[in-house]
């Protein structure tokens, strides 16, 4: 059974940075997609970024391209989301998710098969 440990959310001023971490365990295969989606109150779920385990290929939402960067530490089964130049519209609960085996269109839309409990990110002055 997949398990997630997410951390790193918080309150930051516009233009600031945060780094989210997601330690995942319990994978059933070596090929999977892992990433982040977010959901703000009253808004639809939005895929943020997805990375594939087989080759490290990434897909970012247009809204975060150039500002957010996903990275991974395979030895720790951990992925990180470095978020720079944060904007108030980035405020949301951020969830780490996993799907098998690749970042499909559905997954890029934020619809992962499994996800963690989420961490709140608030961007406000």
Foldseek 3Di string as FASTA:
>chain_A
DKDKDKDWADEAAAQAKIKIKIQIDDDPDQAKKKAKWWDAPPDDIAAAKIAIRVPRDMDGDPVQPPFWDWDDDVVRNMIMIIGGRDDQVVWTWMKMAMAPHGCDPCVNRVDHPDIHPTDTHGYHD
